[in-house]
Amino acid sequence: MDIDELIDEVIGREGGYANHPADRGGATRWGITERVARANGYSGDMRALSRSVAAAIYRRLYWQHPGYDRVARRMPQVAAEMFDTGVNMGTKVATGFLQRALNALNRGASDYPDIAVDGVIGPRTLAALDGFVTRRGAAGEKVLMKALEALQGARYMALAESRPANEAFLYGWLANRLG
């Protein structure tokens, strides 16, 4: 799946305009919050944010900037999962999930060295991913996906438990963002 298909899926899932009172993100269109739209030069009414502007924001902020395009060259399914998680939770969180999973799956640093969980795809994270691919092969991608989804699911539960208003979103998060 390429980035255009991933963006289409996210936009389709996020839908049109929303401004749910329990959502701290406020007004959104195509899943792009007003704060993100404004930070990226959009000054119009959020109800009028075009799909093409939203797609450009997704491509730049949630694919190219965090380096998920570089992850995709190694493990496309993992990159797709990180993109989706990054859209929903932030790219630093999604990248931190990858880094935590790689550290936990390196058999006590015997397969490759532990890396900092800093939320940045840099040379060390890519080297760890390469080490994981070398040791685990294609089957490793499925296991890494399970680790990423486990971390994501645990975060959703913690968000709902720590802020009762988030319970309004928990069912949808679990239904639409995992598996």
N, C-alpha and C. Protein backbone atom coordinates (compact mmCIF):
# COMPACT_ATOMS: atom_id res chain seq x y z
N MET A 1 0.85 -1.18 0.00
CA MET A 1 0.00 0.00 0.00
C MET A 1 0.89 1.24 0.00
N ASP A 2 0.60 2.20 -0.86
CA ASP A 2 1.42 3.41 -0.91
C ASP A 2 0.79 4.53 -0.07
N ILE A 3 1.52 5.61 0.05
CA ILE A 3 1.07 6.70 0.93
C ILE A 3 -0.25 7.30 0.47
N ASP A 4 -0.50 7.38 -0.83
CA ASP A 4 -1.77 7.92 -1.30
C ASP A 4 -2.95 7.07 -0.82
N GLU A 5 -2.78 5.75 -0.87
CA GLU A 5 -3.83 4.85 -0.38
C GLU A 5 -4.01 4.99 1.13
N LEU A 6 -2.90 5.13 1.86
CA LEU A 6 -2.98 5.30 3.30
C LEU A 6 -3.71 6.59 3.67
N ILE A 7 -3.40 7.66 2.95
CA ILE A 7 -4.06 8.94 3.19
C ILE A 7 -5.56 8.82 2.88
N ASP A 8 -5.90 8.17 1.78
CA ASP A 8 -7.31 7.98 1.43
C ASP A 8 -8.05 7.21 2.53
N GLU A 9 -7.40 6.17 3.08
CA GLU A 9 -8.03 5.40 4.16
C GLU A 9 -8.26 6.25 5.40
N VAL A 10 -7.25 7.03 5.77
CA VAL A 10 -7.38 7.87 6.97
C VAL A 10 -8.47 8.90 6.77
N ILE A 11 -8.48 9.56 5.63
CA ILE A 11 -9.50 10.57 5.35
C ILE A 11 -10.89 9.93 5.34
N GLY A 12 -11.00 8.74 4.76
CA GLY A 12 -12.28 8.04 4.75
C GLY A 12 -12.75 7.69 6.16
N ARG A 13 -11.82 7.27 7.00
CA ARG A 13 -12.16 6.89 8.38
C ARG A 13 -12.47 8.12 9.22
N GLU A 14 -11.71 9.18 9.03
CA GLU A 14 -11.90 10.40 9.83
C GLU A 14 -13.16 11.16 9.44
N GLY A 15 -13.56 11.03 8.18
CA GLY A 15 -14.79 11.69 7.74
C GLY A 15 -14.64 13.18 7.53
N GLY A 16 -15.77 13.84 7.48
CA GLY A 16 -15.80 15.28 7.19
C GLY A 16 -15.56 16.12 8.43
N TYR A 17 -16.41 17.09 8.63
CA TYR A 17 -16.26 18.04 9.73
C TYR A 17 -16.80 17.46 11.03
N ALA A 18 -16.08 17.71 12.12
CA ALA A 18 -16.54 17.31 13.45
C ALA A 18 -16.05 18.33 14.47
N ASN A 19 -16.84 18.49 15.51
CA ASN A 19 -16.43 19.36 16.62
C ASN A 19 -17.09 18.81 17.89
N HIS A 20 -16.64 17.63 18.30
CA HIS A 20 -17.22 16.93 19.45
C HIS A 20 -16.81 17.66 20.73
N PRO A 21 -17.75 17.93 21.63
CA PRO A 21 -17.43 18.68 22.85
C PRO A 21 -16.39 18.00 23.75
N ALA A 22 -16.29 16.67 23.71
CA ALA A 22 -15.33 15.97 24.55
C ALA A 22 -13.94 15.86 23.91
N ASP A 23 -13.84 16.24 22.64
CA ASP A 23 -12.58 16.12 21.91
C ASP A 23 -11.72 17.36 22.15
N ARG A 24 -10.60 17.17 22.80
CA ARG A 24 -9.69 18.28 23.07
C ARG A 24 -9.10 18.89 21.81
N GLY A 25 -9.17 18.15 20.70
CA GLY A 25 -8.65 18.65 19.43
C GLY A 25 -9.51 19.74 18.82
N GLY A 26 -10.74 19.86 19.29
CA GLY A 26 -11.64 20.90 18.78
C GLY A 26 -12.12 20.58 17.37
N ALA A 27 -12.37 21.63 16.61
CA ALA A 27 -12.89 21.47 15.25
C ALA A 27 -11.89 20.75 14.37
N THR A 28 -12.39 19.75 13.63
CA THR A 28 -11.55 19.01 12.68
C THR A 28 -12.29 18.83 11.37
N ARG A 29 -11.52 18.68 10.32
CA ARG A 29 -12.07 18.34 9.00
C ARG A 29 -11.11 17.34 8.38
N TRP A 30 -11.62 16.21 7.92
CA TRP A 30 -10.81 15.13 7.36
C TRP A 30 -9.80 14.60 8.38
N GLY A 31 -10.05 14.85 9.68
CA GLY A 31 -9.14 14.40 10.72
C GLY A 31 -8.05 15.41 11.04
N ILE A 32 -8.01 16.51 10.35
CA ILE A 32 -7.00 17.57 10.59
C ILE A 32 -7.61 18.55 11.59
N THR A 33 -6.92 18.74 12.71
CA THR A 33 -7.43 19.69 13.71
C THR A 33 -7.19 21.12 13.24
N GLU A 34 -7.98 22.01 13.80
CA GLU A 34 -7.83 23.42 13.45
C GLU A 34 -6.43 23.92 13.78
N ARG A 35 -5.89 23.50 14.92
CA ARG A 35 -4.54 23.93 15.30
C ARG A 35 -3.51 23.50 14.25
N VAL A 36 -3.58 22.27 13.79
CA VAL A 36 -2.65 21.76 12.78
C VAL A 36 -2.86 22.49 11.46
N ALA A 37 -4.11 22.69 11.08
CA ALA A 37 -4.40 23.41 9.83
C ALA A 37 -3.82 24.82 9.86
N ARG A 38 -4.03 25.52 10.96
CA ARG A 38 -3.52 26.90 11.09
C ARG A 38 -1.99 26.92 11.07
N ALA A 39 -1.38 25.97 11.75
CA ALA A 39 0.09 25.89 11.79
C ALA A 39 0.67 25.60 10.41
N ASN A 40 -0.17 25.09 9.52
CA ASN A 40 0.28 24.77 8.16
C ASN A 40 -0.27 25.73 7.12
N GLY A 41 -0.65 26.93 7.57
CA GLY A 41 -1.00 28.01 6.66
C GLY A 41 -2.45 28.12 6.26
N TYR A 42 -3.32 27.25 6.75
CA TYR A 42 -4.73 27.33 6.39
C TYR A 42 -5.41 28.35 7.28
N SER A 43 -6.12 29.30 6.67
CA SER A 43 -6.75 30.37 7.46
C SER A 43 -8.28 30.41 7.32
N GLY A 44 -8.84 29.53 6.53
CA GLY A 44 -10.29 29.55 6.30
C GLY A 44 -11.09 28.83 7.37
N ASP A 45 -12.38 28.77 7.15
CA ASP A 45 -13.30 28.04 8.02
C ASP A 45 -12.96 26.55 7.92
N MET A 46 -12.90 25.86 9.04
CA MET A 46 -12.54 24.44 9.04
C MET A 46 -13.52 23.60 8.23
N ARG A 47 -14.78 24.03 8.15
CA ARG A 47 -15.76 23.28 7.35
C ARG A 47 -15.39 23.27 5.87
N ALA A 48 -14.56 24.24 5.45
CA ALA A 48 -14.21 24.38 4.04
C ALA A 48 -12.81 23.83 3.71
N LEU A 49 -12.11 23.27 4.69
CA LEU A 49 -10.78 22.71 4.43
C LEU A 49 -10.90 21.65 3.34
N SER A 50 -10.17 21.83 2.27
CA SER A 50 -10.29 20.89 1.14
C SER A 50 -9.58 19.58 1.44
N ARG A 51 -10.05 18.56 0.77
CA ARG A 51 -9.45 17.23 0.91
C ARG A 51 -7.99 17.27 0.46
N SER A 52 -7.71 18.02 -0.59
CA SER A 52 -6.33 18.07 -1.11
C SER A 52 -5.38 18.75 -0.12
N VAL A 53 -5.84 19.79 0.58
CA VAL A 53 -5.01 20.43 1.59
C VAL A 53 -4.77 19.46 2.75
N ALA A 54 -5.82 18.75 3.15
CA ALA A 54 -5.66 17.75 4.22
C ALA A 54 -4.66 16.67 3.80
N ALA A 55 -4.77 16.19 2.57
CA ALA A 55 -3.86 15.15 2.08
C ALA A 55 -2.42 15.63 2.08
N ALA A 56 -2.21 16.88 1.68
CA ALA A 56 -0.84 17.43 1.68
C ALA A 56 -0.28 17.52 3.09
N ILE A 57 -1.13 17.89 4.04
CA ILE A 57 -0.70 17.96 5.45
C ILE A 57 -0.35 16.56 5.94
N TYR A 58 -1.19 15.58 5.65
CA TYR A 58 -0.90 14.20 6.06
C TYR A 58 0.43 13.72 5.48
N ARG A 59 0.63 13.95 4.21
CA ARG A 59 1.86 13.49 3.55
C ARG A 59 3.10 14.12 4.20
N ARG A 60 3.06 15.42 4.40
CA ARG A 60 4.22 16.14 4.92
C ARG A 60 4.47 15.86 6.40
N LEU A 61 3.42 16.04 7.23
CA LEU A 61 3.60 15.96 8.68
C LEU A 61 3.61 14.56 9.26
N TYR A 62 2.90 13.65 8.61
CA TYR A 62 2.71 12.33 9.21
C TYR A 62 3.37 11.20 8.42
N TRP A 63 4.08 11.52 7.33
CA TRP A 63 4.77 10.51 6.54
C TRP A 63 6.22 10.91 6.29
N GLN A 64 6.41 12.05 5.63
CA GLN A 64 7.77 12.45 5.28
C GLN A 64 8.56 12.98 6.48
N HIS A 65 7.98 13.92 7.21
CA HIS A 65 8.70 14.54 8.32
C HIS A 65 9.17 13.54 9.37
N PRO A 66 8.31 12.60 9.82
CA PRO A 66 8.80 11.66 10.83
C PRO A 66 9.70 10.55 10.26
N GLY A 67 9.79 10.43 8.94
CA GLY A 67 10.66 9.42 8.33
C GLY A 67 10.00 8.07 8.10
N TYR A 68 8.69 8.03 8.08
CA TYR A 68 8.02 6.75 7.87
C TYR A 68 8.22 6.24 6.44
N ASP A 69 8.54 7.14 5.52
CA ASP A 69 8.89 6.70 4.17
C ASP A 69 10.15 5.82 4.20
N ARG A 70 11.08 6.12 5.11
CA ARG A 70 12.30 5.31 5.24
C ARG A 70 11.99 3.97 5.90
N VAL A 71 11.05 3.96 6.83
CA VAL A 71 10.62 2.70 7.45
C VAL A 71 9.93 1.84 6.40
N ALA A 72 9.15 2.46 5.52
CA ALA A 72 8.39 1.73 4.50
C ALA A 72 9.29 0.95 3.55
N ARG A 73 10.50 1.44 3.32
CA ARG A 73 11.43 0.71 2.44
C ARG A 73 11.86 -0.61 3.06
N ARG A 74 11.76 -0.70 4.38
CA ARG A 74 12.17 -1.90 5.10
C ARG A 74 10.98 -2.78 5.47
N MET A 75 9.95 -2.15 6.00
CA MET A 75 8.75 -2.87 6.47
C MET A 75 7.52 -2.02 6.18
N PRO A 76 6.91 -2.21 5.02
CA PRO A 76 5.78 -1.36 4.62
C PRO A 76 4.58 -1.42 5.56
N GLN A 77 4.26 -2.59 6.09
CA GLN A 77 3.10 -2.69 7.00
C GLN A 77 3.37 -1.93 8.29
N VAL A 78 4.58 -2.01 8.78
CA VAL A 78 4.94 -1.28 10.00
C VAL A 78 4.84 0.22 9.74
N ALA A 79 5.32 0.68 8.60
CA ALA A 79 5.24 2.10 8.27
C ALA A 79 3.78 2.56 8.19
N ALA A 80 2.93 1.74 7.58
CA ALA A 80 1.51 2.08 7.48
C ALA A 80 0.88 2.18 8.86
N GLU A 81 1.23 1.26 9.75
CA GLU A 81 0.71 1.29 11.12
C GLU A 81 1.20 2.53 11.86
N MET A 82 2.45 2.87 11.67
CA MET A 82 3.01 4.05 12.33
C MET A 82 2.35 5.33 11.82
N PHE A 83 2.09 5.38 10.52
CA PHE A 83 1.39 6.53 9.95
C PHE A 83 0.03 6.70 10.61
N ASP A 84 -0.74 5.62 10.66
CA ASP A 84 -2.08 5.68 11.24
C ASP A 84 -2.01 6.05 12.72
N THR A 85 -1.10 5.44 13.45
CA THR A 85 -0.94 5.76 14.87
C THR A 85 -0.49 7.20 15.05
N GLY A 86 0.43 7.64 14.20
CA GLY A 86 0.93 9.01 14.27
C GLY A 86 -0.16 10.03 14.04
N VAL A 87 -1.06 9.74 13.11
CA VAL A 87 -2.20 10.64 12.85
C VAL A 87 -3.06 10.74 14.10
N ASN A 88 -3.29 9.63 14.76
CA ASN A 88 -4.21 9.58 15.89
C ASN A 88 -3.58 10.00 17.22
N MET A 89 -2.29 9.68 17.42
CA MET A 89 -1.65 9.91 18.72
C MET A 89 -0.46 10.85 18.66
N GLY A 90 -0.02 11.17 17.46
CA GLY A 90 1.19 11.98 17.30
C GLY A 90 2.35 11.10 16.86
N THR A 91 3.19 11.64 15.99
CA THR A 91 4.27 10.84 15.43
C THR A 91 5.35 10.49 16.46
N LYS A 92 5.56 11.34 17.44
CA LYS A 92 6.55 11.01 18.48
C LYS A 92 6.09 9.79 19.28
N VAL A 93 4.81 9.70 19.55
CA VAL A 93 4.27 8.54 20.26
C VAL A 93 4.41 7.29 19.39
N ALA A 94 4.01 7.37 18.13
CA ALA A 94 4.09 6.22 17.22
C ALA A 94 5.54 5.75 17.08
N THR A 95 6.45 6.69 16.92
CA THR A 95 7.86 6.33 16.78
C THR A 95 8.39 5.75 18.09
N GLY A 96 7.96 6.29 19.21
CA GLY A 96 8.35 5.74 20.50
C GLY A 96 7.88 4.30 20.66
N PHE A 97 6.69 3.99 20.17
CA PHE A 97 6.21 2.61 20.20
C PHE A 97 7.17 1.70 19.43
N LEU A 98 7.59 2.12 18.24
CA LEU A 98 8.52 1.32 17.44
C LEU A 98 9.83 1.12 18.20
N GLN A 99 10.35 2.19 18.77
CA GLN A 99 11.62 2.10 19.48
C GLN A 99 11.51 1.18 20.69
N ARG A 100 10.43 1.29 21.44
CA ARG A 100 10.22 0.41 22.59
C ARG A 100 10.13 -1.05 22.15
N ALA A 101 9.38 -1.30 21.08
CA ALA A 101 9.22 -2.67 20.59
C ALA A 101 10.55 -3.24 20.11
N LEU A 102 11.32 -2.44 19.37
CA LEU A 102 12.62 -2.92 18.90
C LEU A 102 13.54 -3.25 20.07
N ASN A 103 13.53 -2.42 21.10
CA ASN A 103 14.36 -2.69 22.28
C ASN A 103 13.92 -3.99 22.97
N ALA A 104 12.62 -4.18 23.08
CA ALA A 104 12.11 -5.37 23.78
C ALA A 104 12.31 -6.65 22.97
N LEU A 105 12.45 -6.52 21.66
CA LEU A 105 12.57 -7.69 20.79
C LEU A 105 14.01 -8.00 20.37
N ASN A 106 14.99 -7.34 20.97
CA ASN A 106 16.38 -7.55 20.54
C ASN A 106 17.14 -8.57 21.38
N ARG A 107 16.42 -9.33 22.18
CA ARG A 107 16.99 -10.41 23.00
C ARG A 107 18.18 -9.93 23.81
N GLY A 108 17.88 -8.95 24.68
CA GLY A 108 18.90 -8.43 25.58
C GLY A 108 20.04 -7.75 24.86
N ALA A 109 19.73 -7.08 23.77
CA ALA A 109 20.71 -6.36 22.94
C ALA A 109 21.70 -7.29 22.26
N SER A 110 21.37 -8.57 22.16
CA SER A 110 22.28 -9.49 21.47
C SER A 110 22.09 -9.47 19.95
N ASP A 111 20.91 -9.08 19.49
CA ASP A 111 20.67 -8.99 18.04
C ASP A 111 21.14 -7.66 17.46
N TYR A 112 20.96 -6.60 18.21
CA TYR A 112 21.37 -5.25 17.84
C TYR A 112 21.28 -4.41 19.11
N PRO A 113 22.00 -3.29 19.16
CA PRO A 113 22.00 -2.49 20.40
C PRO A 113 20.65 -1.84 20.69
N ASP A 114 20.37 -1.65 21.98
CA ASP A 114 19.22 -0.86 22.38
C ASP A 114 19.36 0.55 21.82
N ILE A 115 18.23 1.20 21.63
CA ILE A 115 18.21 2.57 21.11
C ILE A 115 17.44 3.46 22.08
N ALA A 116 17.70 4.75 22.00
CA ALA A 116 16.96 5.71 22.81
C ALA A 116 15.51 5.76 22.35
N VAL A 117 14.61 5.86 23.30
CA VAL A 117 13.19 6.04 22.98
C VAL A 117 12.94 7.54 23.00
N ASP A 118 13.28 8.17 21.87
CA ASP A 118 13.21 9.63 21.77
C ASP A 118 12.16 10.11 20.78
N GLY A 119 11.44 9.19 20.15
CA GLY A 119 10.39 9.57 19.21
C GLY A 119 10.89 10.09 17.88
N VAL A 120 12.16 9.80 17.55
CA VAL A 120 12.76 10.30 16.31
C VAL A 120 13.31 9.13 15.50
N ILE A 121 12.93 9.05 14.22
CA ILE A 121 13.50 8.06 13.32
C ILE A 121 14.83 8.63 12.83
N GLY A 122 15.90 8.11 13.38
CA GLY A 122 17.24 8.53 13.00
C GLY A 122 18.07 7.32 12.61
N PRO A 123 19.36 7.50 12.42
CA PRO A 123 20.21 6.40 11.98
C PRO A 123 20.21 5.20 12.93
N ARG A 124 20.15 5.44 14.23
CA ARG A 124 20.18 4.31 15.17
C ARG A 124 18.87 3.51 15.14
N THR A 125 17.76 4.21 15.02
CA THR A 125 16.48 3.51 14.93
C THR A 125 16.42 2.69 13.64
N LEU A 126 16.87 3.27 12.54
CA LEU A 126 16.87 2.53 11.27
C LEU A 126 17.84 1.35 11.33
N ALA A 127 18.98 1.52 11.99
CA ALA A 127 19.93 0.41 12.13
C ALA A 127 19.32 -0.71 12.98
N ALA A 128 18.60 -0.34 14.03
CA ALA A 128 17.93 -1.36 14.86
C ALA A 128 16.86 -2.08 14.03
N LEU A 129 16.11 -1.33 13.25
CA LEU A 129 15.09 -1.95 12.40
C LEU A 129 15.77 -2.88 11.39
N ASP A 130 16.87 -2.46 10.81
CA ASP A 130 17.61 -3.32 9.88
C ASP A 130 18.09 -4.59 10.59
N GLY A 131 18.58 -4.43 11.83
CA GLY A 131 19.01 -5.58 12.62
C GLY A 131 17.86 -6.54 12.89
N PHE A 132 16.70 -5.98 13.20
CA PHE A 132 15.52 -6.81 13.43
C PHE A 132 15.15 -7.57 12.17
N VAL A 133 15.14 -6.88 11.02
CA VAL A 133 14.80 -7.51 9.75
C VAL A 133 15.79 -8.63 9.43
N THR A 134 17.07 -8.37 9.65
CA THR A 134 18.10 -9.37 9.37
C THR A 134 17.90 -10.62 10.22
N ARG A 135 17.58 -10.45 11.50
CA ARG A 135 17.44 -11.59 12.40
C ARG A 135 16.10 -12.29 12.26
N ARG A 136 15.04 -11.53 12.01
CA ARG A 136 13.69 -12.12 12.04
C ARG A 136 13.04 -12.29 10.67
N GLY A 137 13.56 -11.63 9.65
CA GLY A 137 13.02 -11.79 8.31
C GLY A 137 11.60 -11.28 8.16
N ALA A 138 10.95 -11.74 7.10
CA ALA A 138 9.60 -11.28 6.78
C ALA A 138 8.60 -11.62 7.88
N ALA A 139 8.76 -12.74 8.55
CA ALA A 139 7.83 -13.13 9.62
C ALA A 139 7.90 -12.14 10.79
N GLY A 140 9.04 -11.48 10.94
CA GLY A 140 9.21 -10.52 12.01
C GLY A 140 8.27 -9.33 11.91
N GLU A 141 7.89 -8.98 10.69
CA GLU A 141 7.00 -7.83 10.53
C GLU A 141 5.66 -8.06 11.22
N LYS A 142 5.14 -9.27 11.15
CA LYS A 142 3.87 -9.58 11.82
C LYS A 142 4.01 -9.46 13.33
N VAL A 143 5.12 -9.93 13.86
CA VAL A 143 5.34 -9.86 15.31
C VAL A 143 5.51 -8.40 15.73
N LEU A 144 6.27 -7.64 14.97
CA LEU A 144 6.46 -6.23 15.28
C LEU A 144 5.13 -5.48 15.22
N MET A 145 4.29 -5.83 14.26
CA MET A 145 2.95 -5.22 14.17
C MET A 145 2.13 -5.51 15.43
N LYS A 146 2.19 -6.73 15.92
CA LYS A 146 1.46 -7.08 17.15
C LYS A 146 1.96 -6.27 18.33
N ALA A 147 3.28 -6.09 18.41
CA ALA A 147 3.84 -5.28 19.50
C ALA A 147 3.36 -3.84 19.42
N LEU A 148 3.36 -3.27 18.22
CA LEU A 148 2.92 -1.89 18.04
C LEU A 148 1.44 -1.74 18.41
N GLU A 149 0.63 -2.68 17.98
CA GLU A 149 -0.80 -2.60 18.28
C GLU A 149 -1.08 -2.82 19.77
N ALA A 150 -0.29 -3.67 20.42
CA ALA A 150 -0.45 -3.87 21.87
C ALA A 150 -0.16 -2.56 22.61
N LEU A 151 0.90 -1.88 22.22
CA LEU A 151 1.25 -0.61 22.86
C LEU A 151 0.17 0.44 22.60
N GLN A 152 -0.34 0.47 21.38
CA GLN A 152 -1.39 1.43 21.03
C GLN A 152 -2.66 1.14 21.83
N GLY A 153 -3.06 -0.12 21.91
CA GLY A 153 -4.26 -0.47 22.66
C GLY A 153 -4.12 -0.12 24.14
N ALA A 154 -2.95 -0.38 24.70
CA ALA A 154 -2.73 -0.04 26.11
C ALA A 154 -2.83 1.46 26.33
N ARG A 155 -2.35 2.24 25.38
CA ARG A 155 -2.44 3.70 25.51
C ARG A 155 -3.89 4.16 25.44
N TYR A 156 -4.67 3.58 24.53
CA TYR A 156 -6.09 3.95 24.45
C TYR A 156 -6.80 3.67 25.77
N MET A 157 -6.54 2.52 26.34
CA MET A 157 -7.17 2.17 27.63
C MET A 157 -6.75 3.17 28.71
N ALA A 158 -5.47 3.50 28.75
CA ALA A 158 -4.98 4.45 29.76
C ALA A 158 -5.60 5.83 29.56
N LEU A 159 -5.79 6.25 28.31
CA LEU A 159 -6.41 7.54 28.04
C LEU A 159 -7.85 7.57 28.54
N ALA A 160 -8.58 6.48 28.32
CA ALA A 160 -9.97 6.42 28.77
C ALA A 160 -10.04 6.34 30.30
N GLU A 161 -9.12 5.64 30.91
CA GLU A 161 -9.13 5.52 32.36
C GLU A 161 -8.72 6.82 33.06
N SER A 162 -7.83 7.57 32.42
CA SER A 162 -7.33 8.78 33.07
C SER A 162 -8.23 9.99 32.85
N ARG A 163 -9.09 9.95 31.84
CA ARG A 163 -9.99 11.07 31.54
C ARG A 163 -11.33 10.49 31.09
N PRO A 164 -12.31 10.47 31.99
CA PRO A 164 -13.61 9.85 31.65
C PRO A 164 -14.22 10.36 30.34
N ALA A 165 -13.98 11.60 29.97
CA ALA A 165 -14.54 12.11 28.70
C ALA A 165 -14.01 11.32 27.51
N ASN A 166 -12.82 10.74 27.63
CA ASN A 166 -12.25 9.95 26.53
C ASN A 166 -12.99 8.62 26.32
N GLU A 167 -13.80 8.22 27.30
CA GLU A 167 -14.57 7.00 27.11
C GLU A 167 -15.51 7.11 25.91
N ALA A 168 -15.88 8.34 25.55
CA ALA A 168 -16.74 8.55 24.39
C ALA A 168 -16.07 8.08 23.09
N PHE A 169 -14.74 8.00 23.11
CA PHE A 169 -13.99 7.66 21.90
C PHE A 169 -13.39 6.26 21.94
N LEU A 170 -13.33 5.63 23.10
CA LEU A 170 -12.62 4.36 23.26
C LEU A 170 -13.12 3.28 22.31
N TYR A 171 -14.41 3.08 22.24
CA TYR A 171 -14.95 2.03 21.37
C TYR A 171 -14.49 2.24 19.92
N GLY A 172 -14.61 3.44 19.42
CA GLY A 172 -14.20 3.74 18.05
C GLY A 172 -12.70 3.56 17.85
N TRP A 173 -11.91 3.98 18.82
CA TRP A 173 -10.45 3.79 18.72
C TRP A 173 -10.13 2.31 18.58
N LEU A 174 -10.72 1.50 19.46
CA LEU A 174 -10.42 0.07 19.42
C LEU A 174 -10.98 -0.59 18.18
N ALA A 175 -12.16 -0.18 17.75
CA ALA A 175 -12.78 -0.78 16.57
C ALA A 175 -12.09 -0.39 15.27
N ASN A 176 -11.65 0.86 15.18
CA ASN A 176 -11.16 1.37 13.90
C ASN A 176 -9.65 1.53 13.78
N ARG A 177 -8.94 1.47 14.89
CA ARG A 177 -7.50 1.74 14.84
C ARG A 177 -6.64 0.51 15.10
N LEU A 178 -7.23 -0.55 15.63
CA LEU A 178 -6.44 -1.74 15.91
C LEU A 178 -6.84 -2.87 14.98
N GLY A 179 -5.85 -3.69 14.63
CA GLY A 179 -6.11 -4.90 13.81
C GLY A 179 -6.50 -4.59 12.46
